[in-house]
């Protein structure tokens, strides 16, 4: 199974990003080809939660549900302003999720600065990226040209797919995983220039 980092807009995401992330997480889990590193981590904290409910929950900022947040906030994060404490806590977890992941799967429909930073972290680390965007649904603040530049600047690592319906996404994710990770492990074939 390929550890993946499934992402998109964080704090202010809407149903667009939630639907994308939950569909991808469900496809990864049901195909047994991969898994979302964040989902697997929180499956341990919430072993009895319905799978789709958990997939939806982890779309929200982690300080809203992580069981370790209250202890952090009253311990190491007690002397920090709330925003800084939440950022430090989230970043610590996010480093773990990114380090474990061998690939990133992104929804760019509501992408913001944080998504851009994270995408560049993956590309800089040489980890392949599968990015989706829907020109019709995109947030008015999302510049499709900026998204398309990823494939031009990183042709061996970045694969971008335009989609018109969320139902198209799971099949494309599975197909990309099979092509990029034919042995189910490390990248054995990067996309040609």
Protein backbone atom coordinates (compact mmCIF):
# COMPACT_ATOMS: atom_id res chain seq x y z
CA UNK A 1 0.00 0.00 0.00
CA UNK A 2 1.24 3.46 -0.90
CA UNK A 3 1.11 6.04 1.90
CA UNK A 4 -0.49 9.19 0.46
CA UNK A 5 -1.09 12.70 1.71
CA UNK A 6 -4.59 13.72 0.65
CA UNK A 7 -5.17 17.43 0.90
CA UNK A 8 -6.74 20.63 -0.27
CA UNK A 9 -8.09 23.69 1.51
CA UNK A 10 -7.84 23.35 5.27
CA UNK A 11 -9.38 25.75 7.77
CA UNK A 12 -11.99 27.30 5.47
CA UNK A 13 -12.78 24.33 3.23
CA UNK A 14 -16.30 23.79 1.97
CA UNK A 15 -18.22 20.79 0.71
CA UNK A 16 -16.13 20.91 -2.50
CA UNK A 17 -12.91 19.95 -0.71
CA UNK A 18 -14.68 17.70 1.80
CA UNK A 19 -16.28 15.67 -0.99
CA UNK A 20 -12.95 15.37 -2.79
CA UNK A 21 -10.98 14.26 0.24
CA UNK A 22 -13.56 11.78 1.49
CA UNK A 23 -13.94 10.26 -2.01
CA UNK A 24 -10.17 9.85 -2.36
CA UNK A 25 -9.74 8.41 1.14
CA UNK A 26 -12.56 5.95 0.50
CA UNK A 27 -11.02 4.93 -2.86
CA UNK A 28 -7.61 4.39 -1.29
CA UNK A 29 -9.00 2.32 1.56
CA UNK A 30 -11.34 0.20 -0.56
CA UNK A 31 -8.77 -0.47 -3.29
CA UNK A 32 -6.06 -1.48 -0.82
CA UNK A 33 -3.58 0.30 -3.10
CA UNK A 34 -2.91 3.15 -0.72
CA UNK A 35 -3.98 5.05 2.34
CA UNK A 36 -4.09 8.61 3.57
CA UNK A 37 -1.47 9.06 6.31
CA UNK A 38 -3.67 11.49 8.27
CA UNK A 39 -6.68 9.15 8.09
CA UNK A 40 -4.67 6.17 9.33
CA UNK A 41 -3.23 8.18 12.20
CA UNK A 42 -6.67 9.30 13.37
CA UNK A 43 -8.19 5.87 12.81
CA UNK A 44 -6.11 4.89 15.85
CA UNK A 45 -7.60 7.76 17.90
CA UNK A 46 -11.15 7.01 16.71
CA UNK A 47 -11.26 3.24 16.09
CA UNK A 48 -15.04 2.98 16.36
CA UNK A 49 -15.97 5.99 14.22
CA UNK A 50 -17.67 5.34 10.88
CA UNK A 51 -15.07 5.45 8.09
CA UNK A 52 -16.76 8.21 6.08
CA UNK A 53 -17.46 10.24 9.21
CA UNK A 54 -13.78 10.03 10.15
CA UNK A 55 -12.71 10.93 6.60
CA UNK A 56 -14.93 14.00 6.79
CA UNK A 57 -13.76 14.94 10.29
CA UNK A 58 -10.09 14.99 9.34
CA UNK A 59 -10.82 17.65 6.72
CA UNK A 60 -11.18 20.11 9.61
CA UNK A 61 -8.30 21.72 11.55
CA UNK A 62 -6.84 19.09 13.89
CA UNK A 63 -7.25 21.18 17.01
CA UNK A 64 -11.00 20.63 16.57
CA UNK A 65 -10.75 16.86 17.09
CA UNK A 66 -7.23 15.62 17.94
CA UNK A 67 -7.43 13.98 21.36
CA UNK A 68 -3.92 15.20 22.24
CA UNK A 69 -4.71 18.88 21.60
CA UNK A 70 -6.14 19.68 25.09
CA UNK A 71 -3.02 18.27 26.79
CA UNK A 72 -0.74 20.18 24.41
CA UNK A 73 -2.68 23.40 24.94
CA UNK A 74 -2.43 23.09 28.71
CA UNK A 75 1.20 21.92 28.57
CA UNK A 76 3.75 22.99 25.95
CA UNK A 77 1.28 25.33 24.28
CA UNK A 78 0.00 27.00 27.44
CA UNK A 79 2.20 30.09 27.19
CA UNK A 80 1.58 30.65 23.49
CA UNK A 81 -1.21 32.63 21.85
CA UNK A 82 -3.92 30.24 20.59
CA UNK A 83 -3.06 30.67 16.89
CA UNK A 84 0.64 29.99 17.48
CA UNK A 85 -0.06 26.98 19.71
CA UNK A 86 -2.46 25.52 17.15
CA UNK A 87 0.06 26.12 14.34
CA UNK A 88 2.90 24.45 16.22
CA UNK A 89 0.71 21.49 17.17
CA UNK A 90 -0.63 21.08 13.62
CA UNK A 91 2.79 21.42 12.04
CA UNK A 92 4.26 18.74 14.30
CA UNK A 93 1.55 16.31 13.21
CA UNK A 94 1.70 17.43 9.58
CA UNK A 95 5.46 16.77 9.45
CA UNK A 96 4.69 13.16 10.43
CA UNK A 97 1.98 12.80 7.79
CA UNK A 98 4.17 14.26 5.03
CA UNK A 99 7.25 12.25 6.03
CA UNK A 100 5.33 8.97 5.89
CA UNK A 101 3.66 9.80 2.57
CA UNK A 102 5.29 8.68 -0.66
CA UNK A 103 2.89 10.75 -2.77
CA UNK A 104 0.52 13.69 -2.51
CA UNK A 105 -3.01 13.88 -3.89
CA UNK A 106 -4.40 17.41 -3.95
CA UNK A 107 -7.65 19.18 -4.67
CA UNK A 108 -6.85 22.67 -5.94
CA UNK A 109 -10.43 23.92 -6.19
CA UNK A 110 -10.17 26.01 -3.01
CA UNK A 111 -6.39 26.00 -2.70
CA UNK A 112 -4.72 28.74 -0.76
CA UNK A 113 -1.27 29.67 0.40
CA UNK A 114 -1.00 26.64 2.71
CA UNK A 115 -1.73 24.24 -0.14
CA UNK A 116 0.92 25.92 -2.25
CA UNK A 117 3.52 25.63 0.50
CA UNK A 118 2.73 21.96 1.09
CA UNK A 119 2.73 21.08 -2.60
CA UNK A 120 6.18 22.62 -2.96
CA UNK A 121 7.39 20.63 0.07
CA UNK A 122 6.40 17.41 -1.68
CA UNK A 123 7.89 18.38 -5.02
CA UNK A 124 11.09 19.59 -3.37
CA UNK A 125 11.36 16.21 -1.62
CA UNK A 126 11.01 14.43 -4.99
CA UNK A 127 7.62 12.94 -4.13
CA UNK A 128 5.07 12.64 -6.93
CA UNK A 129 1.93 14.75 -6.89
CA UNK A 130 -1.48 14.10 -8.41
CA UNK A 131 -3.45 17.34 -8.49
CA UNK A 132 -7.08 17.89 -9.44
CA UNK A 133 -8.89 21.04 -10.40
CA UNK A 134 -12.34 21.83 -11.72
CA UNK A 135 -12.35 25.06 -13.73
CA UNK A 136 -16.10 25.43 -13.27
CA UNK A 137 -16.13 24.95 -9.50
CA UNK A 138 -12.94 26.74 -8.58
CA UNK A 139 -12.88 29.49 -6.00
CA UNK A 140 -12.57 32.92 -7.61
CA UNK A 141 -9.29 33.36 -5.76
CA UNK A 142 -7.70 30.27 -7.34
CA UNK A 143 -5.53 30.98 -10.38
CA UNK A 144 -5.62 27.92 -12.67
CA UNK A 145 -2.47 29.17 -14.44
CA UNK A 146 -0.56 28.81 -11.18
CA UNK A 147 -1.76 25.23 -10.86
CA UNK A 148 -0.82 24.39 -14.46
CA UNK A 149 2.68 25.74 -13.89
CA UNK A 150 3.35 22.80 -11.56
CA UNK A 151 3.26 20.33 -14.45
CA UNK A 152 5.43 22.62 -16.58
CA UNK A 153 8.03 23.18 -13.86
CA UNK A 154 7.95 19.61 -12.47
CA UNK A 155 7.04 17.37 -15.45
CA UNK A 156 8.45 14.22 -13.86
CA UNK A 157 6.65 14.69 -10.56
CA UNK A 158 3.44 16.64 -11.06
CA UNK A 159 0.41 15.14 -12.78
CA UNK A 160 -2.61 17.41 -13.10
CA UNK A 161 -6.12 16.35 -13.97
CA UNK A 162 -9.08 18.54 -14.73
CA UNK A 163 -12.36 16.96 -13.70
CA UNK A 164 -16.00 17.92 -13.95
CA UNK A 165 -17.56 15.55 -11.41
CA UNK A 166 -16.29 14.10 -8.13
CA UNK A 167 -17.34 10.66 -9.42
CA UNK A 168 -14.44 10.81 -11.91
CA UNK A 169 -11.78 11.29 -9.25
CA UNK A 170 -11.51 7.87 -7.52
CA UNK A 171 -10.90 5.98 -10.76
CA UNK A 172 -8.24 8.49 -11.80
CA UNK A 173 -6.52 8.20 -8.40
CA UNK A 174 -6.43 4.40 -8.63
CA UNK A 175 -5.15 4.49 -12.21
CA UNK A 176 -2.41 7.00 -11.29
CA UNK A 177 -1.32 4.94 -8.28
CA UNK A 178 -1.06 1.79 -10.39
CA UNK A 179 0.99 3.62 -13.02
CA UNK A 180 3.25 5.51 -10.61
CA UNK A 181 3.69 2.70 -8.07
CA UNK A 182 3.33 -0.54 -10.09
CA UNK A 183 4.88 -2.59 -7.30
CA UNK A 184 2.86 -0.88 -4.57
CA UNK A 185 5.95 0.61 -2.96
CA UNK A 186 8.51 3.24 -3.87
CA UNK A 187 8.22 5.17 -7.10
CA UNK A 188 9.71 3.01 -9.81
CA UNK A 189 8.77 5.13 -12.82
CA UNK A 190 8.49 8.87 -12.87
CA UNK A 191 6.41 10.54 -15.54
CA UNK A 192 8.44 11.34 -18.63
CA UNK A 193 9.31 14.89 -19.57
